[in-house]
Amino acid sequence: MRRLTASSCISLLMAACGSADPQGATPRTVYQCGDLEVTAEFDAPDAVTLSFGGRTLALARVPAASGAKYADGAGNEFWSKDGAMFTLAGQPLRQCTVL
């Protein structure tokens, strides 16, 4: 049986902890958020680009107690935690599931 060295274990742990993508997401993930199909592209560690209904919305990562949360100053938010939640400014929260 092959043994992992201490440096291999540390490298694996750092890779797992350093992931920028929300849990269960890939660099490009499609969600069903209420009545909207939303494509999320996690193209940078601190940003997500959302495409839905012919619109595109770029959000920056903001601090969150858990999960990965992205928002802008206009009240738009996308929060990936046990699925995802999407809020467009002035509209009710939409629960999202990965398609």
PDB file of N, CA and C in Angstrom:
ATOM      1  N   MET A   1       0.840  -1.173   0.000  1.00  0.00           N
ATOM      2  CA  MET A   1       0.000   0.000   0.000  1.00  0.00           C
ATOM      3  C   MET A   1       0.890   1.242   0.000  1.00  0.00           C
ATOM      4  N   ARG A   2       0.494   2.219  -0.752  1.00  0.00           N
ATOM      5  CA  ARG A   2       1.269   3.447  -0.880  1.00  0.00           C
ATOM      6  C   ARG A   2       0.948   4.389   0.274  1.00  0.00           C
ATOM      7  N   ARG A   3       1.972   4.991   0.832  1.00  0.00           N
ATOM      8  CA  ARG A   3       1.783   5.921   1.949  1.00  0.00           C
ATOM      9  C   ARG A   3       1.931   7.356   1.466  1.00  0.00           C
ATOM     10  N   LEU A   4       1.123   8.225   2.049  1.00  0.00           N
ATOM     11  CA  LEU A   4       1.240   9.645   1.751  1.00  0.00           C
ATOM     12  C   LEU A   4       2.283  10.262   2.667  1.00  0.00           C
ATOM     13  N   THR A   5       3.109  11.104   2.110  1.00  0.00           N
ATOM     14  CA  THR A   5       4.081  11.819   2.932  1.00  0.00           C
ATOM     15  C   THR A   5       3.391  12.998   3.605  1.00  0.00           C
ATOM     16  N   ALA A   6       4.015  13.553   4.595  1.00  0.00           N
ATOM     17  CA  ALA A   6       3.442  14.714   5.298  1.00  0.00           C
ATOM     18  C   ALA A   6       3.214  15.871   4.340  1.00  0.00           C
ATOM     19  N   SER A   7       4.158  16.105   3.420  1.00  0.00           N
ATOM     20  CA  SER A   7       3.984  17.222   2.479  1.00  0.00           C
ATOM     21  C   SER A   7       2.834  16.955   1.520  1.00  0.00           C
ATOM     22  N   SER A   8       2.607  15.684   1.145  1.00  0.00           N
ATOM     23  CA  SER A   8       1.474  15.362   0.276  1.00  0.00           C
ATOM     24  C   SER A   8       0.165  15.623   0.993  1.00  0.00           C
ATOM     25  N   CYS A   9       0.084  15.244   2.270  1.00  0.00           N
ATOM     26  CA  CYS A   9      -1.127  15.481   3.054  1.00  0.00           C
ATOM     27  C   CYS A   9      -1.409  16.973   3.186  1.00  0.00           C
ATOM     28  N   ILE A  10      -0.382  17.746   3.464  1.00  0.00           N
ATOM     29  CA  ILE A  10      -0.549  19.193   3.601  1.00  0.00           C
ATOM     30  C   ILE A  10      -1.020  19.797   2.286  1.00  0.00           C
ATOM     31  N   SER A  11      -0.444  19.345   1.173  1.00  0.00           N
ATOM     32  CA  SER A  11      -0.853  19.858  -0.143  1.00  0.00           C
ATOM     33  C   SER A  11      -2.316  19.546  -0.421  1.00  0.00           C
ATOM     34  N   LEU A  12      -2.742  18.329  -0.078  1.00  0.00           N
ATOM     35  CA  LEU A  12      -4.142  17.963  -0.292  1.00  0.00           C
ATOM     36  C   LEU A  12      -5.072  18.805   0.570  1.00  0.00           C
ATOM     37  N   LEU A  13      -4.714  19.013   1.810  1.00  0.00           N
ATOM     38  CA  LEU A  13      -5.536  19.837   2.699  1.00  0.00           C
ATOM     39  C   LEU A  13      -5.608  21.276   2.221  1.00  0.00           C
ATOM     40  N   MET A  14      -4.502  21.822   1.770  1.00  0.00           N
ATOM     41  CA  MET A  14      -4.496  23.209   1.282  1.00  0.00           C
ATOM     42  C   MET A  14      -5.357  23.327   0.037  1.00  0.00           C
ATOM     43  N   ALA A  15      -5.300  22.353  -0.844  1.00  0.00           N
ATOM     44  CA  ALA A  15      -6.117  22.397  -2.061  1.00  0.00           C
ATOM     45  C   ALA A  15      -7.594  22.341  -1.712  1.00  0.00           C
ATOM     46  N   ALA A  16      -7.953  21.504  -0.747  1.00  0.00           N
ATOM     47  CA  ALA A  16      -9.353  21.387  -0.350  1.00  0.00           C
ATOM     48  C   ALA A  16      -9.841  22.662   0.316  1.00  0.00           C
ATOM     49  N   CYS A  17      -9.050  23.249   1.177  1.00  0.00           N
ATOM     50  CA  CYS A  17      -9.454  24.464   1.888  1.00  0.00           C
ATOM     51  C   CYS A  17      -9.399  25.698   1.007  1.00  0.00           C
ATOM     52  N   GLY A  18      -8.581  25.683  -0.015  1.00  0.00           N
ATOM     53  CA  GLY A  18      -8.401  26.856  -0.841  1.00  0.00           C
ATOM     54  C   GLY A  18      -9.378  26.985  -1.984  1.00  0.00           C
ATOM     55  N   SER A  19     -10.324  26.076  -2.083  1.00  0.00           N
ATOM     56  CA  SER A  19     -11.274  26.117  -3.188  1.00  0.00           C
ATOM     57  C   SER A  19     -12.099  27.396  -3.140  1.00  0.00           C
ATOM     58  N   ALA A  20     -12.187  28.095  -4.270  1.00  0.00           N
ATOM     59  CA  ALA A  20     -12.941  29.345  -4.334  1.00  0.00           C
ATOM     60  C   ALA A  20     -14.403  29.110  -4.666  1.00  0.00           C
ATOM     61  N   ASP A  21     -14.731  27.957  -5.212  1.00  0.00           N
ATOM     62  CA  ASP A  21     -16.091  27.690  -5.632  1.00  0.00           C
ATOM     63  C   ASP A  21     -16.958  27.272  -4.461  1.00  0.00           C
ATOM     64  N   PRO A  22     -18.226  27.688  -4.469  1.00  0.00           N
ATOM     65  CA  PRO A  22     -19.136  27.259  -3.425  1.00  0.00           C
ATOM     66  C   PRO A  22     -19.282  25.743  -3.432  1.00  0.00           C
ATOM     67  N   GLN A  23     -19.703  25.198  -2.312  1.00  0.00           N
ATOM     68  CA  GLN A  23     -19.866  23.758  -2.184  1.00  0.00           C
ATOM     69  C   GLN A  23     -20.779  23.211  -3.269  1.00  0.00           C
ATOM     70  N   GLY A  24     -20.327  22.198  -3.976  1.00  0.00           N
ATOM     71  CA  GLY A  24     -21.116  21.553  -5.006  1.00  0.00           C
ATOM     72  C   GLY A  24     -21.106  22.261  -6.349  1.00  0.00           C
ATOM     73  N   ALA A  25     -20.485  23.400  -6.447  1.00  0.00           N
ATOM     74  CA  ALA A  25     -20.473  24.145  -7.704  1.00  0.00           C
ATOM     75  C   ALA A  25     -19.232  23.809  -8.515  1.00  0.00           C
ATOM     76  N   THR A  26     -19.358  23.936  -9.805  1.00  0.00           N
ATOM     77  CA  THR A  26     -18.233  23.796 -10.714  1.00  0.00           C
ATOM     78  C   THR A  26     -17.952  25.185 -11.270  1.00  0.00           C
ATOM     79  N   PRO A  27     -16.897  25.351 -12.072  1.00  0.00           N
ATOM     80  CA  PRO A  27     -16.649  26.692 -12.615  1.00  0.00           C
ATOM     81  C   PRO A  27     -17.855  27.281 -13.364  1.00  0.00           C
ATOM     82  N   ARG A  28     -18.717  26.417 -13.900  1.00  0.00           N
ATOM     83  CA  ARG A  28     -19.945  26.877 -14.565  1.00  0.00           C
ATOM     84  C   ARG A  28     -21.072  25.955 -14.108  1.00  0.00           C
ATOM     85  N   THR A  29     -21.996  26.497 -13.334  1.00  0.00           N
ATOM     86  CA  THR A  29     -23.083  25.705 -12.768  1.00  0.00           C
ATOM     87  C   THR A  29     -24.415  26.348 -13.123  1.00  0.00           C
ATOM     88  N   VAL A  30     -25.387  25.508 -13.486  1.00  0.00           N
ATOM     89  CA  VAL A  30     -26.724  25.994 -13.819  1.00  0.00           C
ATOM     90  C   VAL A  30     -27.656  25.671 -12.651  1.00  0.00           C
ATOM     91  N   TYR A  31     -28.395  26.689 -12.210  1.00  0.00           N
ATOM     92  CA  TYR A  31     -29.333  26.571 -11.101  1.00  0.00           C
ATOM     93  C   TYR A  31     -30.741  26.880 -11.588  1.00  0.00           C
ATOM     94  N   GLN A  32     -31.725  26.291 -10.935  1.00  0.00           N
ATOM     95  CA  GLN A  32     -33.115  26.716 -11.099  1.00  0.00           C
ATOM     96  C   GLN A  32     -33.436  27.509  -9.847  1.00  0.00           C
ATOM     97  N   CYS A  33     -33.667  28.806 -10.026  1.00  0.00           N
ATOM     98  CA  CYS A  33     -33.928  29.715  -8.908  1.00  0.00           C
ATOM     99  C   CYS A  33     -35.358  30.223  -9.047  1.00  0.00           C
ATOM    100  N   GLY A  34     -36.279  29.523  -8.427  1.00  0.00           N
ATOM    101  CA  GLY A  34     -37.684  29.896  -8.585  1.00  0.00           C
ATOM    102  C   GLY A  34     -38.072  29.819 -10.045  1.00  0.00           C
ATOM    103  N   ASP A  35     -38.509  30.936 -10.595  1.00  0.00           N
ATOM    104  CA  ASP A  35     -38.936  30.975 -11.995  1.00  0.00           C
ATOM    105  C   ASP A  35     -37.791  31.252 -12.966  1.00  0.00           C
ATOM    106  N   LEU A  36     -36.564  31.407 -12.468  1.00  0.00           N
ATOM    107  CA  LEU A  36     -35.425  31.736 -13.319  1.00  0.00           C
ATOM    108  C   LEU A  36     -34.419  30.593 -13.403  1.00  0.00           C
ATOM    109  N   GLU A  37     -33.937  30.322 -14.601  1.00  0.00           N
ATOM    110  CA  GLU A  37     -32.781  29.451 -14.779  1.00  0.00           C
ATOM    111  C   GLU A  37     -31.560  30.357 -14.803  1.00  0.00           C
ATOM    112  N   VAL A  38     -30.634  30.121 -13.888  1.00  0.00           N
ATOM    113  CA  VAL A  38     -29.485  31.000 -13.691  1.00  0.00           C
ATOM    114  C   VAL A  38     -28.199  30.211 -13.920  1.00  0.00           C
ATOM    115  N   THR A  39     -27.351  30.721 -14.800  1.00  0.00           N
ATOM    116  CA  THR A  39     -26.030  30.133 -15.002  1.00  0.00           C
ATOM    117  C   THR A  39     -25.032  30.959 -14.214  1.00  0.00           C
ATOM    118  N   ALA A  40     -24.301  30.297 -13.329  1.00  0.00           N
ATOM    119  CA  ALA A  40     -23.292  30.963 -12.509  1.00  0.00           C
ATOM    120  C   ALA A  40     -21.915  30.538 -12.994  1.00  0.00           C
ATOM    121  N   GLU A  41     -21.089  31.513 -13.315  1.00  0.00           N
ATOM    122  CA  GLU A  41     -19.716  31.248 -13.733  1.00  0.00           C
ATOM    123  C   GLU A  41     -18.780  31.804 -12.673  1.00  0.00           C
ATOM    124  N   PHE A  42     -18.106  30.875 -11.993  1.00  0.00           N
ATOM    125  CA  PHE A  42     -17.170  31.235 -10.928  1.00  0.00           C
ATOM    126  C   PHE A  42     -15.788  31.360 -11.560  1.00  0.00           C
ATOM    127  N   ASP A  43     -15.570  32.475 -12.281  1.00  0.00           N
ATOM    128  CA  ASP A  43     -14.358  32.634 -13.071  1.00  0.00           C
ATOM    129  C   ASP A  43     -13.213  33.291 -12.307  1.00  0.00           C
ATOM    130  N   ALA A  44     -13.463  33.700 -11.100  1.00  0.00           N
ATOM    131  CA  ALA A  44     -12.416  34.298 -10.267  1.00  0.00           C
ATOM    132  C   ALA A  44     -12.713  33.907  -8.819  1.00  0.00           C
ATOM    133  N   PRO A  45     -11.697  33.841  -7.980  1.00  0.00           N
ATOM    134  CA  PRO A  45     -11.942  33.442  -6.590  1.00  0.00           C
ATOM    135  C   PRO A  45     -12.897  34.378  -5.844  1.00  0.00           C
ATOM    136  N   ASP A  46     -12.968  35.617  -6.256  1.00  0.00           N
ATOM    137  CA  ASP A  46     -13.771  36.581  -5.516  1.00  0.00           C
ATOM    138  C   ASP A  46     -14.920  37.171  -6.317  1.00  0.00           C
ATOM    139  N   ALA A  47     -15.389  36.455  -7.352  1.00  0.00           N
ATOM    140  CA  ALA A  47     -16.467  36.994  -8.172  1.00  0.00           C
ATOM    141  C   ALA A  47     -17.261  35.879  -8.833  1.00  0.00           C
ATOM    142  N   VAL A  48     -18.506  36.190  -9.169  1.00  0.00           N
ATOM    143  CA  VAL A  48     -19.353  35.288  -9.936  1.00  0.00           C
ATOM    144  C   VAL A  48     -20.075  36.130 -10.986  1.00  0.00           C
ATOM    145  N   THR A  49     -20.267  35.548 -12.154  1.00  0.00           N
ATOM    146  CA  THR A  49     -21.066  36.178 -13.196  1.00  0.00           C
ATOM    147  C   THR A  49     -22.315  35.337 -13.371  1.00  0.00           C
ATOM    148  N   LEU A  50     -23.479  35.953 -13.213  1.00  0.00           N
ATOM    149  CA  LEU A  50     -24.759  35.268 -13.329  1.00  0.00           C
ATOM    150  C   LEU A  50     -25.426  35.668 -14.630  1.00  0.00           C
ATOM    151  N   SER A  51     -25.939  34.675 -15.354  1.00  0.00           N
ATOM    152  CA  SER A  51     -26.678  34.923 -16.589  1.00  0.00           C
ATOM    153  C   SER A  51     -28.075  34.341 -16.424  1.00  0.00           C
ATOM    154  N   PHE A  52     -29.094  35.147 -16.740  1.00  0.00           N
ATOM    155  CA  PHE A  52     -30.486  34.714 -16.577  1.00  0.00           C
ATOM    156  C   PHE A  52     -31.380  35.627 -17.389  1.00  0.00           C
ATOM    157  N   GLY A  53     -32.373  35.062 -18.043  1.00  0.00           N
ATOM    158  CA  GLY A  53     -33.366  35.849 -18.765  1.00  0.00           C
ATOM    159  C   GLY A  53     -32.797  36.900 -19.698  1.00  0.00           C
ATOM    160  N   GLY A  54     -31.679  36.619 -20.350  1.00  0.00           N
ATOM    161  CA  GLY A  54     -31.068  37.574 -21.262  1.00  0.00           C
ATOM    162  C   GLY A  54     -30.244  38.654 -20.572  1.00  0.00           C
ATOM    163  N   ARG A  55     -30.098  38.565 -19.265  1.00  0.00           N
ATOM    164  CA  ARG A  55     -29.309  39.542 -18.498  1.00  0.00           C
ATOM    165  C   ARG A  55     -28.040  38.900 -17.968  1.00  0.00           C
ATOM    166  N   THR A  56     -27.063  39.729 -17.679  1.00  0.00           N
ATOM    167  CA  THR A  56     -25.823  39.293 -17.047  1.00  0.00           C
ATOM    168  C   THR A  56     -25.572  40.198 -15.847  1.00  0.00           C
ATOM    169  N   LEU A  57     -25.159  39.584 -14.752  1.00  0.00           N
ATOM    170  CA  LEU A  57     -24.936  40.320 -13.517  1.00  0.00           C
ATOM    171  C   LEU A  57     -23.627  39.834 -12.908  1.00  0.00           C
ATOM    172  N   ALA A  58     -22.695  40.747 -12.663  1.00  0.00           N
ATOM    173  CA  ALA A  58     -21.417  40.405 -12.035  1.00  0.00           C
ATOM    174  C   ALA A  58     -21.468  40.827 -10.573  1.00  0.00           C
ATOM    175  N   LEU A  59     -21.155  39.880  -9.682  1.00  0.00           N
ATOM    176  CA  LEU A  59     -21.185  40.156  -8.250  1.00  0.00           C
ATOM    177  C   LEU A  59     -19.839  39.814  -7.624  1.00  0.00           C
ATOM    178  N   ALA A  60     -19.441  40.602  -6.649  1.00  0.00           N
ATOM    179  CA  ALA A  60     -18.191  40.366  -5.919  1.00  0.00           C
ATOM    180  C   ALA A  60     -18.484  39.566  -4.658  1.00  0.00           C
ATOM    181  N   ARG A  61     -17.517  38.766  -4.241  1.00  0.00           N
ATOM    182  CA  ARG A  61     -17.667  37.978  -3.026  1.00  0.00           C
ATOM    183  C   ARG A  61     -17.627  38.902  -1.810  1.00  0.00           C
ATOM    184  N   VAL A  62     -18.521  38.646  -0.864  1.00  0.00           N
ATOM    185  CA  VAL A  62     -18.593  39.422   0.375  1.00  0.00           C
ATOM    186  C   VAL A  62     -18.503  38.461   1.556  1.00  0.00           C
ATOM    187  N   PRO A  63     -18.135  38.948   2.730  1.00  0.00           N
ATOM    188  CA  PRO A  63     -18.031  38.070   3.898  1.00  0.00           C
ATOM    189  C   PRO A  63     -19.373  37.411   4.226  1.00  0.00           C
ATOM    190  N   ALA A  64     -19.299  36.142   4.632  1.00  0.00           N
ATOM    191  CA  ALA A  64     -20.482  35.387   5.052  1.00  0.00           C
ATOM    192  C   ALA A  64     -20.076  34.437   6.167  1.00  0.00           C
ATOM    193  N   ALA A  65     -20.983  34.190   7.085  1.00  0.00           N
ATOM    194  CA  ALA A  65     -20.695  33.278   8.182  1.00  0.00           C
ATOM    195  C   ALA A  65     -20.430  31.868   7.665  1.00  0.00           C
ATOM    196  N   SER A  66     -21.133  31.476   6.606  1.00  0.00           N
ATOM    197  CA  SER A  66     -20.899  30.179   5.975  1.00  0.00           C
ATOM    198  C   SER A  66     -21.331  30.259   4.523  1.00  0.00           C
ATOM    199  N   GLY A  67     -20.827  29.356   3.719  1.00  0.00           N
ATOM    200  CA  GLY A  67     -21.134  29.372   2.298  1.00  0.00           C
ATOM    201  C   GLY A  67     -20.363  30.457   1.582  1.00  0.00           C
ATOM    202  N   ALA A  68     -20.687  30.661   0.329  1.00  0.00           N
ATOM    203  CA  ALA A  68     -20.056  31.697  -0.488  1.00  0.00           C
ATOM    204  C   ALA A  68     -21.135  32.700  -0.874  1.00  0.00           C
ATOM    205  N   LYS A  69     -20.947  33.937  -0.491  1.00  0.00           N
ATOM    206  CA  LYS A  69     -21.943  34.974  -0.739  1.00  0.00           C
ATOM    207  C   LYS A  69     -21.354  36.040  -1.655  1.00  0.00           C
ATOM    208  N   TYR A  70     -22.146  36.439  -2.648  1.00  0.00           N
ATOM    209  CA  TYR A  70     -21.742  37.453  -3.619  1.00  0.00           C
ATOM    210  C   TYR A  70     -22.834  38.517  -3.643  1.00  0.00           C
ATOM    211  N   ALA A  71     -22.443  39.784  -3.745  1.00  0.00           N
ATOM    212  CA  ALA A  71     -23.429  40.856  -3.711  1.00  0.00           C
ATOM    213  C   ALA A  71     -22.892  42.102  -4.397  1.00  0.00           C
ATOM    214  N   ASP A  72     -23.802  43.033  -4.652  1.00  0.00           N
ATOM    215  CA  ASP A  72     -23.405  44.352  -5.145  1.00  0.00           C
ATOM    216  C   ASP A  72     -24.131  45.402  -4.314  1.00  0.00           C
ATOM    217  N   GLY A  73     -23.831  46.647  -4.544  1.00  0.00           N
ATOM    218  CA  GLY A  73     -24.432  47.739  -3.779  1.00  0.00           C
ATOM    219  C   GLY A  73     -25.878  48.021  -4.123  1.00  0.00           C
ATOM    220  N   ALA A  74     -26.399  47.385  -5.177  1.00  0.00           N
ATOM    221  CA  ALA A  74     -27.774  47.635  -5.609  1.00  0.00           C
ATOM    222  C   ALA A  74     -28.787  46.721  -4.932  1.00  0.00           C
ATOM    223  N   GLY A  75     -28.319  45.754  -4.132  1.00  0.00           N
ATOM    224  CA  GLY A  75     -29.239  44.843  -3.448  1.00  0.00           C
ATOM    225  C   GLY A  75     -29.381  43.484  -4.101  1.00  0.00           C
ATOM    226  N   ASN A  76     -28.545  43.174  -5.085  1.00  0.00           N
ATOM    227  CA  ASN A  76     -28.545  41.860  -5.709  1.00  0.00           C
ATOM    228  C   ASN A  76     -27.611  40.951  -4.920  1.00  0.00           C
ATOM    229  N   GLU A  77     -28.051  39.701  -4.654  1.00  0.00           N
ATOM    230  CA  GLU A  77     -27.241  38.760  -3.890  1.00  0.00           C
ATOM    231  C   GLU A  77     -27.388  37.350  -4.431  1.00  0.00           C
ATOM    232  N   PHE A  78     -26.295  36.607  -4.400  1.00  0.00           N
ATOM    233  CA  PHE A  78     -26.293  35.178  -4.713  1.00  0.00           C
ATOM    234  C   PHE A  78     -25.501  34.510  -3.607  1.00  0.00           C
ATOM    235  N   TRP A  79     -26.124  33.545  -2.908  1.00  0.00           N
ATOM    236  CA  TRP A  79     -25.494  32.923  -1.758  1.00  0.00           C
ATOM    237  C   TRP A  79     -25.588  31.418  -1.902  1.00  0.00           C
ATOM    238  N   SER A  80     -24.453  30.787  -2.015  1.00  0.00           N
ATOM    239  CA  SER A  80     -24.404  29.342  -2.171  1.00  0.00           C
ATOM    240  C   SER A  80     -24.111  28.707  -0.817  1.00  0.00           C
ATOM    241  N   LYS A  81     -25.131  28.037  -0.296  1.00  0.00           N
ATOM    242  CA  LYS A  81     -25.011  27.343   0.983  1.00  0.00           C
ATOM    243  C   LYS A  81     -26.128  26.309   1.022  1.00  0.00           C
ATOM    244  N   ASP A  82     -25.764  25.020   0.956  1.00  0.00           N
ATOM    245  CA  ASP A  82     -26.786  23.966   0.917  1.00  0.00           C
ATOM    246  C   ASP A  82     -27.789  24.256  -0.197  1.00  0.00           C
ATOM    247  N   GLY A  83     -27.320  24.328  -1.425  1.00  0.00           N
ATOM    248  CA  GLY A  83     -28.111  24.806  -2.549  1.00  0.00           C
ATOM    249  C   GLY A  83     -27.677  26.242  -2.784  1.00  0.00           C
ATOM    250  N   ALA A  84     -28.598  27.105  -3.108  1.00  0.00           N
ATOM    251  CA  ALA A  84     -28.248  28.513  -3.292  1.00  0.00           C
ATOM    252  C   ALA A  84     -29.501  29.360  -3.101  1.00  0.00           C
ATOM    253  N   MET A  85     -29.276  30.647  -2.904  1.00  0.00           N
ATOM    254  CA  MET A  85     -30.349  31.625  -2.790  1.00  0.00           C
ATOM    255  C   MET A  85     -29.975  32.803  -3.681  1.00  0.00           C
ATOM    256  N   PHE A  86     -30.964  33.354  -4.357  1.00  0.00           N
ATOM    257  CA  PHE A  86     -30.725  34.440  -5.298  1.00  0.00           C
ATOM    258  C   PHE A  86     -31.759  35.525  -5.045  1.00  0.00           C
ATOM    259  N   THR A  87     -31.284  36.747  -4.867  1.00  0.00           N
ATOM    260  CA  THR A  87     -32.167  37.894  -4.672  1.00  0.00           C
ATOM    261  C   THR A  87     -31.799  38.972  -5.678  1.00  0.00           C
ATOM    262  N   LEU A  88     -32.775  39.381  -6.466  1.00  0.00           N
ATOM    263  CA  LEU A  88     -32.613  40.541  -7.336  1.00  0.00           C
ATOM    264  C   LEU A  88     -33.177  41.736  -6.570  1.00  0.00           C
ATOM    265  N   ALA A  89     -32.534  42.868  -6.683  1.00  0.00           N
ATOM    266  CA  ALA A  89     -32.950  44.072  -5.956  1.00  0.00           C
ATOM    267  C   ALA A  89     -34.452  44.297  -6.108  1.00  0.00           C
ATOM    268  N   GLY A  90     -35.118  44.440  -4.961  1.00  0.00           N
ATOM    269  CA  GLY A  90     -36.543  44.748  -4.969  1.00  0.00           C
ATOM    270  C   GLY A  90     -37.454  43.549  -5.194  1.00  0.00           C
ATOM    271  N   GLN A  91     -36.892  42.350  -5.333  1.00  0.00           N
ATOM    272  CA  GLN A  91     -37.701  41.154  -5.552  1.00  0.00           C
ATOM    273  C   GLN A  91     -37.516  40.181  -4.397  1.00  0.00           C
ATOM    274  N   PRO A  92     -38.473  39.273  -4.205  1.00  0.00           N
ATOM    275  CA  PRO A  92     -38.333  38.301  -3.114  1.00  0.00           C
ATOM    276  C   PRO A  92     -37.193  37.302  -3.371  1.00  0.00           C
ATOM    277  N   LEU A  93     -36.710  36.723  -2.292  1.00  0.00           N
ATOM    278  CA  LEU A  93     -35.671  35.705  -2.334  1.00  0.00           C
ATOM    279  C   LEU A  93     -36.143  34.493  -3.137  1.00  0.00           C
ATOM    280  N   ARG A  94     -35.247  33.968  -3.970  1.00  0.00           N
ATOM    281  CA  ARG A  94     -35.537  32.755  -4.728  1.00  0.00           C
ATOM    282  C   ARG A  94     -34.617  31.644  -4.223  1.00  0.00           C
ATOM    283  N   GLN A  95     -35.186  30.503  -3.881  1.00  0.00           N
ATOM    284  CA  GLN A  95     -34.411  29.317  -3.523  1.00  0.00           C
ATOM    285  C   GLN A  95     -33.931  28.673  -4.815  1.00  0.00           C
ATOM    286  N   CYS A  96     -32.693  28.176  -4.830  1.00  0.00           N
ATOM    287  CA  CYS A  96     -32.104  27.613  -6.040  1.00  0.00           C
ATOM    288  C   CYS A  96     -31.650  26.179  -5.812  1.00  0.00           C
ATOM    289  N   THR A  97     -31.759  25.385  -6.856  1.00  0.00           N
ATOM    290  CA  THR A  97     -31.209  24.033  -6.853  1.00  0.00           C
ATOM    291  C   THR A  97     -30.364  23.854  -8.094  1.00  0.00           C
ATOM    292  N   VAL A  98     -29.333  23.014  -7.986  1.00  0.00           N
ATOM    293  CA  VAL A  98     -28.461  22.745  -9.126  1.00  0.00           C
ATOM    294  C   VAL A  98     -29.203  21.869 -10.125  1.00  0.00           C
ATOM    295  N   LEU A  99     -29.148  22.258 -11.389  1.00  0.00           N
ATOM    296  CA  LEU A  99     -29.765  21.437 -12.450  1.00  0.00           C
ATOM    297  C   LEU A  99     -28.780  20.406 -12.968  1.00  0.00           C
TER     298      LEU A  99
END
